[in-house]
Amino acid sequence: MDKSAKTSRGLFDLEGQVAVITGASRGIGRAIAIRLAEHGARVVVSSRKIEACEEVVDIIRAAGGQAMALSCHIARKEALQDLVDQSMRAWGRIDSLVCNAAVNPYFGPSIDMPDEAYDRVMNSNVRSNFWLCNMVAPIMKRQGGGSIMIVSSIGGFQGSDRLGVYCISKAADMQLARNLAVEWGEHNIRANCIAPGLIKTDFARALWENPSILEKTVAHTPLGRIGEPDEIAGAAVFLASAAGSYTTGQTFTIDGGRTSGMSRSD
């Protein structure tokens, strides 16, 4: 990366930082990984499939950035600890943690949701974040600070007749960030959530490829469209950088205005 690029970042300069991102092989996580690296961070690209992670690493390195790929099954505590340990062995620090990986194996009324699906959602979307944040926070304390980000959803603000437990898990992530902010703030560790609306990702494909759901979403979104992964990545750059140094315990809603309560009229 050339010198002019480094000096032009200003408040958003992440030079010297290390960022660990789960679910970083595609969608929002991929976009965050690429943009953090673009602003100077060394990035750990993590997901279950190492080959997909390596593809993102190749993109980052081709642009002059630094990145490494690590496989991690977020539902396994030992796998999360290994992710932290390998990141520390490679680069000796963790300045930003982005908990992006999540699952949603069930679409339908909550009353019909199998217990196994409930456990998978809550364990992967909440407990794994709880584990990983508590593994990384002491490292950040020793360093003098850091930034924790949890990718939630506007579903955390709303009930749903088809995504009920997923929405419950995303509301819990918001509270997790608030609690982390309170518990670790004195050590200059910031914790925040990013709550996207409907974004054009593989994870949300069942929603945006459904004509009825897409039409309804767009009709109730003031900007008149769904979002792109890169439109979420900017918030992560802000929260990782000096620009976000006084921001903690918050949930950043990025949804094209969907939760503003407005509807578009033709």
Protein backbone atom coordinates (compact mmCIF):
# COMPACT_ATOMS: atom_id res chain seq x y z
CA MET A 1 0.00 0.00 0.00
CA ASP A 2 1.55 3.32 -1.03
CA LYS A 3 2.56 6.07 1.39
CA SER A 4 -0.05 8.54 0.15
CA ALA A 5 -2.82 6.06 0.96
CA LYS A 6 -1.52 5.68 4.50
CA THR A 7 -1.27 9.41 5.19
CA SER A 8 -4.73 10.17 3.76
CA ARG A 9 -6.65 7.95 6.21
CA GLY A 10 -6.55 10.45 9.09
CA LEU A 11 -9.00 9.54 11.84
CA PHE A 12 -9.68 6.24 10.10
CA ASP A 13 -6.06 5.05 10.03
CA LEU A 14 -5.77 1.47 11.30
CA GLU A 15 -2.06 1.07 10.61
CA GLY A 16 -0.47 -1.28 13.15
CA GLN A 17 -3.77 -2.74 14.32
CA VAL A 18 -4.86 -6.37 14.18
CA ALA A 19 -8.51 -7.24 13.53
CA VAL A 20 -10.08 -10.67 14.04
CA ILE A 21 -13.33 -11.25 12.13
CA THR A 22 -15.61 -14.28 12.33
CA GLY A 23 -17.82 -15.20 9.40
CA ALA A 24 -15.44 -13.25 7.19
CA SER A 25 -15.45 -15.42 4.08
CA ARG A 26 -18.54 -13.86 2.53
CA GLY A 27 -21.18 -11.15 2.80
CA ILE A 28 -20.88 -8.53 5.51
CA GLY A 29 -17.87 -10.16 7.16
CA ARG A 30 -15.97 -10.29 3.88
CA ALA A 31 -16.68 -6.62 3.19
CA ILE A 32 -15.55 -5.65 6.71
CA ALA A 33 -12.33 -7.65 6.36
CA ILE A 34 -11.45 -6.03 3.04
CA ARG A 35 -12.20 -2.50 4.23
CA LEU A 36 -10.36 -2.82 7.55
CA ALA A 37 -7.33 -4.07 5.63
CA GLU A 38 -7.69 -1.22 3.15
CA HIS A 39 -7.36 1.19 6.08
CA GLY A 40 -4.19 -0.48 7.31
CA ALA A 41 -5.24 -3.26 9.70
CA ARG A 42 -3.75 -6.72 9.61
CA VAL A 43 -6.80 -8.93 9.32
CA VAL A 44 -7.55 -12.45 10.51
CA VAL A 45 -10.17 -13.83 8.12
CA SER A 46 -12.09 -16.60 9.85
CA SER A 47 -14.96 -18.95 9.04
CA ARG A 48 -15.60 -22.68 8.98
CA LYS A 49 -14.33 -23.13 5.41
CA ILE A 50 -10.64 -22.31 5.15
CA GLU A 51 -10.66 -22.27 1.34
CA ALA A 52 -13.26 -19.49 1.31
CA CYS A 53 -11.20 -17.54 3.85
CA GLU A 54 -8.09 -17.87 1.72
CA GLU A 55 -9.94 -16.35 -1.23
CA VAL A 56 -10.60 -13.22 0.83
CA VAL A 57 -6.99 -13.17 2.01
CA ASP A 58 -5.85 -13.28 -1.62
CA ILE A 59 -8.01 -10.24 -2.42
CA ILE A 60 -6.57 -8.31 0.52
CA ARG A 61 -2.98 -9.19 -0.31
CA ALA A 62 -3.47 -8.34 -3.97
CA ALA A 63 -4.46 -4.82 -2.88
CA GLY A 64 -1.32 -4.50 -0.75
CA GLY A 65 -2.85 -5.40 2.61
CA GLN A 66 -1.96 -8.01 5.20
CA ALA A 67 -4.22 -10.91 6.12
CA MET A 68 -4.25 -14.52 7.24
CA ALA A 69 -6.92 -17.22 7.08
CA LEU A 70 -7.99 -19.33 10.06
CA SER A 71 -10.72 -21.93 10.19
CA CYS A 72 -13.06 -21.72 13.18
CA HIS A 73 -16.31 -23.40 14.22
CA ILE A 74 -17.83 -20.71 16.45
CA ALA A 75 -20.08 -23.13 18.36
CA ARG A 76 -17.02 -24.88 19.81
CA LYS A 77 -15.31 -23.09 22.68
CA GLU A 78 -11.97 -24.76 22.03
CA ALA A 79 -12.09 -23.63 18.39
CA LEU A 80 -12.67 -20.02 19.46
CA GLN A 81 -9.76 -20.21 21.89
CA ASP A 82 -7.57 -21.62 19.13
CA LEU A 83 -8.59 -18.71 16.89
CA VAL A 84 -7.48 -16.26 19.56
CA ASP A 85 -4.26 -18.15 20.30
CA GLN A 86 -3.25 -18.45 16.65
CA SER A 87 -3.97 -14.77 16.03
CA MET A 88 -1.78 -13.83 18.99
CA ARG A 89 1.03 -16.13 17.91
CA ALA A 90 1.00 -14.62 14.43
CA TRP A 91 0.70 -10.93 15.26
CA GLY A 92 0.96 -10.53 19.03
CA ARG A 93 -2.11 -8.39 19.58
CA ILE A 94 -5.82 -7.98 18.84
CA ASP A 95 -7.10 -4.43 18.52
CA SER A 96 -10.50 -5.09 16.96
CA LEU A 97 -12.80 -8.07 17.26
CA VAL A 98 -15.74 -8.38 14.88
CA CYS A 99 -18.25 -11.07 15.88
CA ASN A 100 -20.09 -11.46 12.60
CA ALA A 101 -20.73 -15.20 12.21
CA ALA A 102 -24.33 -16.26 12.85
CA VAL A 103 -26.82 -18.94 11.90
CA ASN A 104 -30.53 -19.23 11.24
CA PRO A 105 -31.53 -22.82 10.47
CA TYR A 106 -35.28 -22.28 10.88
CA PHE A 107 -37.86 -20.09 9.13
CA GLY A 108 -41.36 -20.28 10.53
CA PRO A 109 -43.53 -19.80 13.65
CA SER A 110 -41.66 -20.10 16.93
CA ILE A 111 -44.15 -22.63 18.30
CA ASP A 112 -43.02 -25.15 15.66
CA MET A 113 -39.29 -24.58 16.08
CA PRO A 114 -37.41 -27.75 17.09
CA ASP A 115 -35.38 -27.54 20.27
CA GLU A 116 -32.24 -28.40 18.32
CA ALA A 117 -32.74 -25.40 16.03
CA TYR A 118 -33.38 -23.12 19.01
CA ASP A 119 -30.18 -24.29 20.70
CA ARG A 120 -28.18 -23.85 17.52
CA VAL A 121 -29.38 -20.25 17.04
CA MET A 122 -28.85 -19.15 20.63
CA ASN A 123 -25.54 -20.96 21.05
CA SER A 124 -24.03 -19.74 17.79
CA ASN A 125 -25.44 -16.21 17.79
CA VAL A 126 -25.11 -15.36 21.48
CA ARG A 127 -23.07 -17.82 23.52
CA SER A 128 -20.21 -17.97 21.02
CA ASN A 129 -19.99 -14.16 21.00
CA PHE A 130 -20.03 -14.18 24.81
CA TRP A 131 -17.19 -16.69 24.86
CA LEU A 132 -15.08 -14.96 22.24
CA CYS A 133 -15.47 -11.47 23.70
CA ASN A 134 -14.44 -12.74 27.12
CA MET A 135 -11.38 -14.40 25.59
CA VAL A 136 -10.28 -11.24 23.79
CA ALA A 137 -11.15 -8.53 26.32
CA PRO A 138 -8.31 -9.40 28.74
CA ILE A 139 -5.85 -9.19 25.84
CA MET A 140 -7.18 -5.74 24.96
CA LYS A 141 -6.91 -4.72 28.61
CA ARG A 142 -3.20 -5.59 28.65
CA GLN A 143 -2.71 -3.58 25.44
CA GLY A 144 -4.46 -0.51 26.82
CA GLY A 145 -7.71 -0.78 24.88
CA GLY A 146 -9.54 -2.13 21.88
CA SER A 147 -12.80 -2.27 19.97
CA ILE A 148 -15.36 -5.08 20.07
CA MET A 149 -18.09 -5.15 17.42
CA ILE A 150 -21.01 -7.54 17.24
CA VAL A 151 -23.00 -7.69 14.03
CA SER A 152 -26.63 -7.85 15.14
CA SER A 153 -29.74 -7.07 13.05
CA ILE A 154 -32.72 -4.76 13.03
CA GLY A 155 -34.57 -7.97 13.89
CA GLY A 156 -33.32 -7.32 17.42
CA PHE A 157 -35.72 -4.36 17.59
CA GLN A 158 -38.74 -6.17 16.19
CA GLY A 159 -40.88 -9.25 16.61
CA SER A 160 -41.29 -11.63 13.70
CA ASP A 161 -43.73 -14.38 12.79
CA ARG A 162 -41.02 -16.27 10.87
CA LEU A 163 -37.69 -15.31 12.44
CA GLY A 164 -38.66 -15.05 16.10
CA VAL A 165 -35.76 -16.80 17.82
CA TYR A 166 -33.22 -15.30 15.42
CA CYS A 167 -34.58 -11.87 16.43
CA ILE A 168 -34.33 -12.82 20.11
CA SER A 169 -30.68 -13.76 19.60
CA LYS A 170 -29.94 -10.46 17.90
CA ALA A 171 -31.58 -8.50 20.71
CA ALA A 172 -29.39 -10.42 23.14
CA ASP A 173 -26.31 -9.40 21.15
CA MET A 174 -27.24 -5.74 21.65
CA GLN A 175 -27.43 -6.28 25.39
CA LEU A 176 -24.16 -8.19 25.33
CA ALA A 177 -22.46 -5.18 23.76
CA ARG A 178 -23.95 -2.85 26.37
CA ASN A 179 -22.76 -5.09 29.20
CA LEU A 180 -19.29 -5.38 27.73
CA ALA A 181 -19.15 -1.60 27.42
CA VAL A 182 -19.95 -1.21 31.10
CA GLU A 183 -17.66 -3.97 32.35
CA TRP A 184 -14.61 -3.10 30.27
CA GLY A 185 -14.92 0.63 29.62
CA GLU A 186 -12.51 1.57 32.38
CA HIS A 187 -9.83 -0.29 30.44
CA ASN A 188 -10.48 1.70 27.25
CA ILE A 189 -12.28 -1.21 25.63
CA ARG A 190 -15.27 -0.18 23.54
CA ALA A 191 -18.12 -2.53 22.61
CA ASN A 192 -20.82 -1.78 20.06
CA CYS A 193 -23.33 -3.49 17.81
CA ILE A 194 -24.01 -2.96 14.13
CA ALA A 195 -27.63 -3.72 13.20
CA PRO A 196 -28.11 -4.05 9.44
CA GLY A 197 -31.43 -4.17 7.69
CA LEU A 198 -31.94 -6.52 4.75
CA ILE A 199 -28.58 -6.81 2.99
CA LYS A 200 -27.88 -8.63 -0.28
CA THR A 201 -25.87 -11.51 1.14
CA ASP A 202 -25.97 -15.28 0.75
CA PHE A 203 -27.09 -15.51 4.38
CA ALA A 204 -30.23 -13.46 3.64
CA ARG A 205 -30.81 -14.90 0.17
CA ALA A 206 -34.07 -16.61 1.20
CA LEU A 207 -35.45 -13.16 2.04
CA TRP A 208 -34.30 -10.98 -0.84
CA GLU A 209 -34.95 -13.68 -3.45
CA ASN A 210 -38.54 -13.97 -2.23
CA PRO A 211 -40.46 -11.42 -4.38
CA SER A 212 -43.13 -10.83 -1.74
CA ILE A 213 -40.64 -10.19 1.09
CA LEU A 214 -38.41 -8.05 -1.11
CA GLU A 215 -41.32 -5.92 -2.33
CA LYS A 216 -42.60 -5.38 1.20
CA THR A 217 -39.14 -4.51 2.51
CA VAL A 218 -38.44 -2.01 -0.26
CA ALA A 219 -41.89 -0.46 0.12
CA HIS A 220 -41.20 0.24 3.80
CA THR A 221 -37.64 1.48 3.28
CA PRO A 222 -37.29 5.22 2.64
CA LEU A 223 -34.24 4.71 0.41
CA GLY A 224 -36.30 2.34 -1.71
CA ARG A 225 -33.88 -0.59 -1.89
CA ILE A 226 -32.04 -3.18 0.18
CA GLY A 227 -28.42 -2.73 1.20
CA GLU A 228 -25.08 -4.03 0.00
CA PRO A 229 -22.41 -5.57 2.28
CA ASP A 230 -19.97 -2.73 1.67
CA GLU A 231 -22.51 -0.30 3.10
CA ILE A 232 -22.09 -1.99 6.48
CA ALA A 233 -18.30 -2.12 6.38
CA GLY A 234 -17.90 1.64 6.85
CA ALA A 235 -19.40 1.44 10.34
CA ALA A 236 -16.81 -1.18 11.29
CA VAL A 237 -13.99 1.05 10.04
CA PHE A 238 -15.38 3.91 12.14
CA LEU A 239 -15.69 1.79 15.28
CA ALA A 240 -12.21 0.31 14.90
CA SER A 241 -10.53 3.68 14.37
CA ALA A 242 -9.77 6.82 16.35
CA ALA A 243 -12.92 8.33 14.88
CA GLY A 244 -14.93 6.00 17.12
CA SER A 245 -12.79 6.36 20.23
CA TYR A 246 -15.63 7.88 22.33
CA THR A 247 -18.32 5.52 21.10
CA THR A 248 -19.32 2.52 23.20
CA GLY A 249 -22.41 0.61 24.28
CA GLN A 250 -24.31 1.62 21.16
CA THR A 251 -26.19 -0.12 18.37
CA PHE A 252 -25.66 1.38 14.91
CA THR A 253 -28.71 0.82 12.74
CA ILE A 254 -27.95 0.68 9.02
CA ASP A 255 -31.19 -0.16 7.25
CA GLY A 256 -31.98 2.47 4.64
CA GLY A 257 -34.44 4.03 7.09
CA ARG A 258 -36.57 0.90 7.52
CA THR A 259 -36.95 1.24 11.28
CA SER A 260 -37.77 4.94 11.07
CA GLY A 261 -41.42 3.93 10.67
CA MET A 262 -41.77 5.59 7.30
CA SER A 263 -43.32 4.05 4.22
CA ARG A 264 -42.72 5.02 0.62
CA SER A 265 -45.71 6.05 -1.43
CA ASP A 266 -45.76 5.87 -5.21
